[in-house]
N, C-alpha and C. Protein backbone atom coordinates (compact mmCIF):
# COMPACT_ATOMS: atom_id res chain seq x y z
N MET A 1 9.41 -27.96 -2.85
CA MET A 1 8.95 -27.36 -4.08
C MET A 1 7.60 -26.71 -3.82
N GLU A 2 7.42 -25.56 -4.43
CA GLU A 2 6.16 -24.84 -4.28
C GLU A 2 5.64 -24.43 -5.65
N PHE A 3 4.34 -24.44 -5.79
CA PHE A 3 3.70 -24.01 -7.03
C PHE A 3 3.19 -22.58 -6.86
N ILE A 4 3.19 -21.85 -7.96
CA ILE A 4 2.69 -20.48 -7.98
C ILE A 4 1.63 -20.40 -9.07
N TYR A 5 0.41 -20.08 -8.64
CA TYR A 5 -0.72 -20.00 -9.57
C TYR A 5 -1.24 -18.57 -9.63
N CYS A 6 -1.91 -18.25 -10.72
CA CYS A 6 -2.63 -16.99 -10.82
C CYS A 6 -3.88 -17.10 -9.96
N SER A 7 -4.18 -16.03 -9.26
CA SER A 7 -5.41 -16.04 -8.47
C SER A 7 -6.61 -15.82 -9.38
N ASP A 8 -7.74 -16.30 -8.92
CA ASP A 8 -9.00 -16.09 -9.63
C ASP A 8 -9.34 -14.60 -9.56
N PRO A 9 -9.64 -13.95 -10.68
CA PRO A 9 -9.93 -12.52 -10.67
C PRO A 9 -11.11 -12.13 -9.77
N LEU A 10 -12.07 -13.04 -9.60
CA LEU A 10 -13.24 -12.74 -8.79
C LEU A 10 -13.11 -13.22 -7.35
N HIS A 11 -12.21 -14.16 -7.11
CA HIS A 11 -11.99 -14.72 -5.78
C HIS A 11 -10.48 -14.76 -5.54
N SER A 12 -9.92 -13.66 -5.13
CA SER A 12 -8.47 -13.47 -5.12
C SER A 12 -7.70 -14.37 -4.17
N PHE A 13 -8.38 -15.05 -3.26
CA PHE A 13 -7.67 -15.93 -2.33
C PHE A 13 -7.70 -17.40 -2.75
N GLN A 14 -8.09 -17.66 -3.99
CA GLN A 14 -8.04 -19.02 -4.50
C GLN A 14 -7.47 -19.02 -5.92
N PRO A 15 -6.93 -20.15 -6.36
CA PRO A 15 -6.36 -20.22 -7.71
C PRO A 15 -7.43 -19.98 -8.78
N ASP A 16 -6.98 -19.48 -9.92
CA ASP A 16 -7.86 -19.33 -11.07
C ASP A 16 -8.56 -20.67 -11.32
N GLU A 17 -9.81 -20.59 -11.74
CA GLU A 17 -10.63 -21.78 -11.97
C GLU A 17 -9.92 -22.81 -12.85
N MET A 18 -9.16 -22.36 -13.82
CA MET A 18 -8.46 -23.25 -14.75
C MET A 18 -7.44 -24.15 -14.02
N TYR A 19 -6.93 -23.68 -12.89
CA TYR A 19 -5.89 -24.42 -12.16
C TYR A 19 -6.35 -24.94 -10.80
N GLN A 20 -7.63 -24.81 -10.50
CA GLN A 20 -8.15 -25.20 -9.20
C GLN A 20 -7.92 -26.69 -8.90
N THR A 21 -8.22 -27.55 -9.83
CA THR A 21 -8.05 -28.99 -9.61
C THR A 21 -6.58 -29.33 -9.40
N GLU A 22 -5.72 -28.75 -10.20
CA GLU A 22 -4.29 -28.98 -10.06
C GLU A 22 -3.78 -28.51 -8.70
N ALA A 23 -4.21 -27.35 -8.27
CA ALA A 23 -3.80 -26.82 -6.97
C ALA A 23 -4.29 -27.72 -5.84
N ASN A 24 -5.51 -28.19 -5.92
CA ASN A 24 -6.04 -29.09 -4.90
C ASN A 24 -5.25 -30.40 -4.86
N THR A 25 -4.86 -30.91 -6.02
CA THR A 25 -4.06 -32.12 -6.08
C THR A 25 -2.69 -31.89 -5.46
N ALA A 26 -2.05 -30.78 -5.79
CA ALA A 26 -0.75 -30.45 -5.21
C ALA A 26 -0.84 -30.38 -3.69
N ARG A 27 -1.87 -29.73 -3.20
CA ARG A 27 -2.06 -29.61 -1.74
C ARG A 27 -2.27 -30.99 -1.11
N SER A 28 -3.06 -31.85 -1.76
CA SER A 28 -3.32 -33.18 -1.20
C SER A 28 -2.06 -34.05 -1.19
N LEU A 29 -1.09 -33.73 -2.04
CA LEU A 29 0.17 -34.47 -2.08
C LEU A 29 1.24 -33.85 -1.19
N GLY A 30 0.86 -32.83 -0.44
CA GLY A 30 1.78 -32.22 0.51
C GLY A 30 2.57 -31.04 -0.01
N SER A 31 2.28 -30.59 -1.22
CA SER A 31 2.96 -29.42 -1.77
C SER A 31 2.15 -28.17 -1.40
N SER A 32 2.85 -27.07 -1.29
CA SER A 32 2.15 -25.82 -1.01
C SER A 32 2.10 -24.99 -2.28
N PHE A 33 1.28 -23.95 -2.25
CA PHE A 33 1.25 -23.04 -3.39
C PHE A 33 0.95 -21.63 -2.90
N ASP A 34 1.37 -20.67 -3.71
CA ASP A 34 1.07 -19.27 -3.49
C ASP A 34 0.36 -18.75 -4.73
N LEU A 35 -0.20 -17.55 -4.59
CA LEU A 35 -0.97 -16.95 -5.68
C LEU A 35 -0.39 -15.61 -6.09
N ILE A 36 -0.42 -15.34 -7.40
CA ILE A 36 -0.07 -14.01 -7.88
C ILE A 36 -1.30 -13.39 -8.51
N ASP A 37 -1.33 -12.08 -8.54
CA ASP A 37 -2.42 -11.33 -9.14
C ASP A 37 -2.01 -10.97 -10.56
N PHE A 38 -2.41 -11.79 -11.51
CA PHE A 38 -2.01 -11.60 -12.90
C PHE A 38 -2.54 -10.28 -13.46
N GLU A 39 -3.75 -9.89 -13.05
CA GLU A 39 -4.33 -8.64 -13.53
C GLU A 39 -3.51 -7.44 -13.06
N ALA A 40 -3.02 -7.49 -11.84
CA ALA A 40 -2.19 -6.39 -11.33
C ALA A 40 -0.90 -6.29 -12.13
N LEU A 41 -0.37 -7.42 -12.53
CA LEU A 41 0.87 -7.43 -13.31
C LEU A 41 0.64 -6.91 -14.72
N VAL A 42 -0.37 -7.41 -15.39
CA VAL A 42 -0.58 -7.09 -16.80
C VAL A 42 -1.35 -5.78 -16.99
N ASN A 43 -2.47 -5.64 -16.30
CA ASN A 43 -3.32 -4.47 -16.52
C ASN A 43 -2.84 -3.22 -15.79
N GLU A 44 -2.24 -3.40 -14.62
CA GLU A 44 -1.80 -2.26 -13.82
C GLU A 44 -0.29 -2.04 -13.88
N ASN A 45 0.43 -2.97 -14.51
CA ASN A 45 1.89 -2.91 -14.58
C ASN A 45 2.49 -2.72 -13.19
N ASN A 46 1.99 -3.51 -12.23
CA ASN A 46 2.38 -3.37 -10.83
C ASN A 46 2.88 -4.72 -10.29
N PRO A 47 4.16 -5.05 -10.52
CA PRO A 47 4.67 -6.35 -10.08
C PRO A 47 4.66 -6.53 -8.56
N LEU A 48 4.85 -5.47 -7.79
CA LEU A 48 4.82 -5.61 -6.33
C LEU A 48 3.43 -5.99 -5.85
N LYS A 49 2.41 -5.39 -6.42
CA LYS A 49 1.04 -5.77 -6.07
C LYS A 49 0.75 -7.20 -6.51
N ALA A 50 1.28 -7.58 -7.66
CA ALA A 50 1.03 -8.92 -8.19
C ALA A 50 1.55 -10.02 -7.28
N VAL A 51 2.67 -9.79 -6.63
CA VAL A 51 3.28 -10.84 -5.79
C VAL A 51 3.08 -10.62 -4.30
N ARG A 52 2.22 -9.70 -3.92
CA ARG A 52 2.07 -9.36 -2.50
C ARG A 52 1.62 -10.52 -1.62
N ARG A 53 1.00 -11.53 -2.19
CA ARG A 53 0.53 -12.66 -1.40
C ARG A 53 1.53 -13.82 -1.35
N ILE A 54 2.65 -13.68 -2.03
CA ILE A 54 3.65 -14.74 -1.98
C ILE A 54 4.45 -14.56 -0.70
N SER A 55 4.40 -15.55 0.14
CA SER A 55 5.05 -15.45 1.44
C SER A 55 6.56 -15.63 1.31
N GLN A 56 7.30 -14.91 2.13
CA GLN A 56 8.75 -15.03 2.15
C GLN A 56 9.11 -16.36 2.80
N LYS A 57 10.06 -17.06 2.23
CA LYS A 57 10.47 -18.37 2.72
C LYS A 57 11.75 -18.26 3.53
N SER A 58 11.86 -19.11 4.54
CA SER A 58 13.07 -19.09 5.37
C SER A 58 14.20 -19.89 4.74
N ILE A 59 13.87 -20.78 3.80
CA ILE A 59 14.88 -21.54 3.09
C ILE A 59 14.62 -21.42 1.58
N GLU A 60 15.67 -21.53 0.82
CA GLU A 60 15.55 -21.47 -0.63
C GLU A 60 14.87 -22.75 -1.13
N GLN A 61 13.95 -22.58 -2.08
CA GLN A 61 13.28 -23.75 -2.65
C GLN A 61 12.89 -23.46 -4.10
N ILE A 62 12.58 -24.49 -4.81
CA ILE A 62 12.17 -24.37 -6.21
C ILE A 62 10.71 -23.95 -6.25
N GLY A 63 10.40 -22.99 -7.11
CA GLY A 63 9.02 -22.57 -7.36
C GLY A 63 8.68 -22.82 -8.82
N ILE A 64 7.52 -23.38 -9.04
CA ILE A 64 7.07 -23.66 -10.41
C ILE A 64 5.83 -22.82 -10.69
N TYR A 65 5.94 -21.95 -11.68
CA TYR A 65 4.82 -21.09 -12.06
C TYR A 65 3.89 -21.85 -12.98
N ARG A 66 2.62 -21.87 -12.60
CA ARG A 66 1.57 -22.49 -13.43
C ARG A 66 0.48 -21.46 -13.62
N GLY A 67 0.52 -20.76 -14.71
CA GLY A 67 -0.48 -19.72 -14.94
C GLY A 67 -0.39 -19.14 -16.32
N TRP A 68 -1.05 -18.03 -16.46
CA TRP A 68 -1.15 -17.36 -17.75
C TRP A 68 0.15 -16.67 -18.11
N MET A 69 0.36 -16.53 -19.41
CA MET A 69 1.54 -15.83 -19.93
C MET A 69 1.06 -14.57 -20.64
N LYS A 70 1.86 -13.55 -20.57
CA LYS A 70 1.52 -12.30 -21.26
C LYS A 70 2.03 -12.34 -22.66
């Protein structure tokens, strides 16, 4: 299972501040997470840019989105 968080608008390589503790806990429990660029999705209407940091997986797995809703 992998978590997907919105990236921090000012620090794009880390989860949004609201989800930082949760992401750190997930990582400490052995779960991984990826980040999406919520601003690129909502403000730029650019879904490809929004998901550019989500790595392609070699096996199918469950992803849980934890972030902002439009």
